Each structure stands twice: as C-alpha cells, then as structure tokens.
C-alpha atoms as a PDB file:
ATOM      1  CA  MET A   1      10.808  -5.770   2.661  1.00  0.00           C
ATOM      2  CA  ALA A   2       7.850  -4.073   1.010  1.00  0.00           C
ATOM      3  CA  GLN A   3       7.256  -5.360  -2.481  1.00  0.00           C
ATOM      4  CA  LYS A   4       7.376  -3.112  -5.540  1.00  0.00           C
ATOM      5  CA  ILE A   5       3.858  -3.012  -6.936  1.00  0.00           C
ATOM      6  CA  THR A   6       3.143  -1.864 -10.488  1.00  0.00           C
ATOM      7  CA  SER A   7       0.237  -1.955 -12.906  1.00  0.00           C
ATOM      8  CA  ASP A   8       1.977  -5.017 -14.404  1.00  0.00           C
ATOM      9  CA  ASN A   9       1.982  -7.159 -11.243  1.00  0.00           C
ATOM     10  CA  LEU A  10      -0.945  -5.921  -9.115  1.00  0.00           C
ATOM     11  CA  GLN A  11      -3.566  -8.266 -10.590  1.00  0.00           C
ATOM     12  CA  ALA A  12      -1.325 -11.286 -10.033  1.00  0.00           C
ATOM     13  CA  LEU A  13      -0.795 -10.227  -6.409  1.00  0.00           C
ATOM     14  CA  ILE A  14      -4.534  -9.780  -5.870  1.00  0.00           C
ATOM     15  CA  ALA A  15      -5.113 -13.212  -7.446  1.00  0.00           C
ATOM     16  CA  THR A  16      -3.138 -14.841  -4.599  1.00  0.00           C
ATOM     17  CA  GLY A  17      -6.175 -14.226  -2.390  1.00  0.00           C
ATOM     18  CA  LYS A  18      -4.109 -12.431   0.240  1.00  0.00           C
ATOM     19  CA  PRO A  19      -5.054  -8.915   1.322  1.00  0.00           C
ATOM     20  CA  VAL A  20      -2.919  -6.228  -0.322  1.00  0.00           C
ATOM     21  CA  VAL A  21      -1.676  -3.049   1.348  1.00  0.00           C
ATOM     22  CA  LEU A  22      -0.592  -0.629  -1.377  1.00  0.00           C
ATOM     23  CA  ASP A  23       1.352   2.518  -0.503  1.00  0.00           C
ATOM     24  CA  PHE A  24       1.426   5.187  -3.233  1.00  0.00           C
ATOM     25  CA  TRP A  25       4.487   7.368  -2.660  1.00  0.00           C
ATOM     26  CA  ALA A  26       7.259   9.440  -4.270  1.00  0.00           C
ATOM     27  CA  THR A  27      10.896  10.034  -3.347  1.00  0.00           C
ATOM     28  CA  TRP A  28      10.358  13.800  -2.925  1.00  0.00           C
ATOM     29  CA  CYS A  29       7.388  13.376  -0.543  1.00  0.00           C
ATOM     30  CA  GLY A  30       8.279  14.081   3.105  1.00  0.00           C
ATOM     31  CA  PRO A  31       5.196  12.414   4.650  1.00  0.00           C
ATOM     32  CA  CYS A  32       5.845   9.377   2.412  1.00  0.00           C
ATOM     33  CA  ARG A  33       9.324   9.060   3.893  1.00  0.00           C
ATOM     34  CA  MET A  34       7.829   9.419   7.388  1.00  0.00           C
ATOM     35  CA  ILE A  35       5.587   6.365   6.979  1.00  0.00           C
ATOM     36  CA  ALA A  36       8.136   4.287   5.031  1.00  0.00           C
ATOM     37  CA  PRO A  37       9.530   2.556   8.167  1.00  0.00           C
ATOM     38  CA  THR A  38       5.976   1.609   9.193  1.00  0.00           C
ATOM     39  CA  ILE A  39       5.224   0.133   5.762  1.00  0.00           C
ATOM     40  CA  GLU A  40       8.490  -1.834   5.837  1.00  0.00           C
ATOM     41  CA  ALA A  41       7.778  -3.122   9.360  1.00  0.00           C
ATOM     42  CA  LEU A  42       4.276  -4.247   8.387  1.00  0.00           C
ATOM     43  CA  ALA A  43       5.695  -6.000   5.308  1.00  0.00           C
ATOM     44  CA  GLN A  44       8.039  -8.018   7.516  1.00  0.00           C
ATOM     45  CA  GLU A  45       5.610  -8.635  10.364  1.00  0.00           C
ATOM     46  CA  TYR A  46       2.730  -9.776   8.144  1.00  0.00           C
ATOM     47  CA  ASP A  47       4.823 -11.650   5.569  1.00  0.00           C
ATOM     48  CA  GLY A  48       2.843 -14.687   4.437  1.00  0.00           C
ATOM     49  CA  GLN A  49      -0.467 -13.238   5.674  1.00  0.00           C
ATOM     50  CA  ALA A  50      -0.706 -10.143   3.491  1.00  0.00           C
ATOM     51  CA  ILE A  51       1.128  -8.486   0.629  1.00  0.00           C
ATOM     52  CA  VAL A  52       2.495  -5.108   1.638  1.00  0.00           C
ATOM     53  CA  GLY A  53       3.962  -3.061  -1.162  1.00  0.00           C
ATOM     54  CA  LYS A  54       4.738   0.328  -2.582  1.00  0.00           C
ATOM     55  CA  CYS A  55       4.048   2.039  -5.889  1.00  0.00           C
ATOM     56  CA  ASP A  56       6.197   5.034  -6.855  1.00  0.00           C
ATOM     57  CA  ILE A  57       3.751   7.364  -8.615  1.00  0.00           C
ATOM     58  CA  GLU A  58       6.590   8.801 -10.687  1.00  0.00           C
ATOM     59  CA  GLU A  59       7.285   5.347 -12.151  1.00  0.00           C
ATOM     60  CA  ASP A  60       3.677   4.190 -12.549  1.00  0.00           C
ATOM     61  CA  GLU A  61       1.228   7.066 -13.006  1.00  0.00           C
ATOM     62  CA  GLU A  62      -1.233   4.665 -14.615  1.00  0.00           C
ATOM     63  CA  LEU A  63      -1.856   2.707 -11.411  1.00  0.00           C
ATOM     64  CA  ALA A  64      -2.268   5.887  -9.365  1.00  0.00           C
ATOM     65  CA  MET A  65      -4.791   7.189 -11.893  1.00  0.00           C
ATOM     66  CA  GLN A  66      -6.648   3.864 -11.907  1.00  0.00           C
ATOM     67  CA  TYR A  67      -7.260   4.193  -8.170  1.00  0.00           C
ATOM     68  CA  GLY A  68      -7.915   7.942  -8.244  1.00  0.00           C
ATOM     69  CA  VAL A  69      -4.910   8.798  -6.087  1.00  0.00           C
ATOM     70  CA  ARG A  70      -4.591  12.578  -5.897  1.00  0.00           C
ATOM     71  CA  ASN A  71      -2.553  13.024  -2.729  1.00  0.00           C
ATOM     72  CA  ILE A  72       0.367  11.075  -1.371  1.00  0.00           C
ATOM     73  CA  PRO A  73       0.966   9.169   0.684  1.00  0.00           C
ATOM     74  CA  THR A  74      -2.204   7.222   0.003  1.00  0.00           C
ATOM     75  CA  VAL A  75      -2.313   3.677   1.360  1.00  0.00           C
ATOM     76  CA  LEU A  76      -5.021   1.387  -0.015  1.00  0.00           C
ATOM     77  CA  PHE A  77      -6.231  -1.741   1.758  1.00  0.00           C
ATOM     78  CA  ILE A  78      -7.442  -4.234  -0.850  1.00  0.00           C
ATOM     79  CA  LYS A  79      -9.343  -7.438  -0.114  1.00  0.00           C
ATOM     80  CA  ASP A  80     -10.790  -9.753  -2.764  1.00  0.00           C
ATOM     81  CA  GLY A  81      -9.763  -7.240  -5.431  1.00  0.00           C
ATOM     82  CA  LYS A  82     -11.715  -4.362  -3.890  1.00  0.00           C
ATOM     83  CA  VAL A  83     -10.465  -1.329  -1.989  1.00  0.00           C
ATOM     84  CA  VAL A  84     -12.080  -1.730   1.433  1.00  0.00           C
ATOM     85  CA  ASP A  85     -10.215   1.020   3.302  1.00  0.00           C
ATOM     86  CA  LYS A  86      -7.621   3.716   2.750  1.00  0.00           C
ATOM     87  CA  GLN A  87      -5.423   6.153   4.608  1.00  0.00           C
ATOM     88  CA  VAL A  88      -4.523   9.452   2.989  1.00  0.00           C
ATOM     89  CA  GLY A  89      -1.601  11.270   4.578  1.00  0.00           C
ATOM     90  CA  ALA A  90       0.841  10.255   7.260  1.00  0.00           C
ATOM     91  CA  ALA A  91      -0.470   8.536  10.376  1.00  0.00           C
ATOM     92  CA  PRO A  92       1.020   6.625  13.311  1.00  0.00           C
ATOM     93  CA  ARG A  93       1.729   2.903  12.924  1.00  0.00           C
ATOM     94  CA  PRO A  94      -1.310   1.755  14.981  1.00  0.00           C
ATOM     95  CA  VAL A  95      -3.636   3.331  12.393  1.00  0.00           C
ATOM     96  CA  PHE A  96      -2.118   1.288   9.547  1.00  0.00           C
ATOM     97  CA  GLU A  97      -1.878  -1.860  11.650  1.00  0.00           C
ATOM     98  CA  GLU A  98      -5.528  -1.658  12.726  1.00  0.00           C
ATOM     99  CA  LYS A  99      -6.688  -1.282   9.108  1.00  0.00           C
ATOM    100  CA  LEU A 100      -4.497  -4.221   8.035  1.00  0.00           C
ATOM    101  CA  LYS A 101      -5.748  -6.470  10.844  1.00  0.00           C
ATOM    102  CA  ALA A 102      -9.337  -5.656   9.843  1.00  0.00           C
ATOM    103  CA  ILE A 103      -8.842  -7.224   6.398  1.00  0.00           C
ATOM    104  CA  LEU A 104      -6.945 -10.343   7.490  1.00  0.00           C
END
C-alpha cells in the first residue's frame, strides 16, 4: 500500500537512500482517483526498492507549497533528496513505471 507522506516524515524517508515517488492528490480530484490504482500497484511491486507514497494536499498544504505543486495530480520522482522527474496530470501506468525505473 502507498505510504502516507507528510512534511513531518518526508526527510526521514529520503534519508533511507531509496528513491521516493510522491503523489500529490486530493479526494475531490477525478484524475487523482484515476491514477490511484497505478500508484498503489507501484507501491506493492517496488516495495523494498523504492518508497511510493501519497500526500493529500488538503491535509498538508505546506509540503505542496514547498515543492511548488500547483496542479494535481502531480507525481514527483525524488532521488538523493532531489526532484529528478515529475508527471503532472493523469497518465497511463507505463509512464509512471518508466520514470520510477529510471531512478532505481
């Protein structure tokens, strides 16, 4: 299952050295709900290799502002503490999987 990521735990997750896939979403966002099964599947499939999680922008505006997220869904791909890629808007699973594989 995708991990809940907040401004309180993100730095600790990055400190593990594993790549982080961070999905900014909201319950009222249709495209966010469309990609949710993909995010969950990637969390299960890449468990142990990467941290795949979600941040509800309604619960943690601070983290969204820190990363300049203006549209959702926005999925950030973080390696060594730096955003190395991102996907704004819904996309098919192969798009997310290819970006994740590139940072492993």
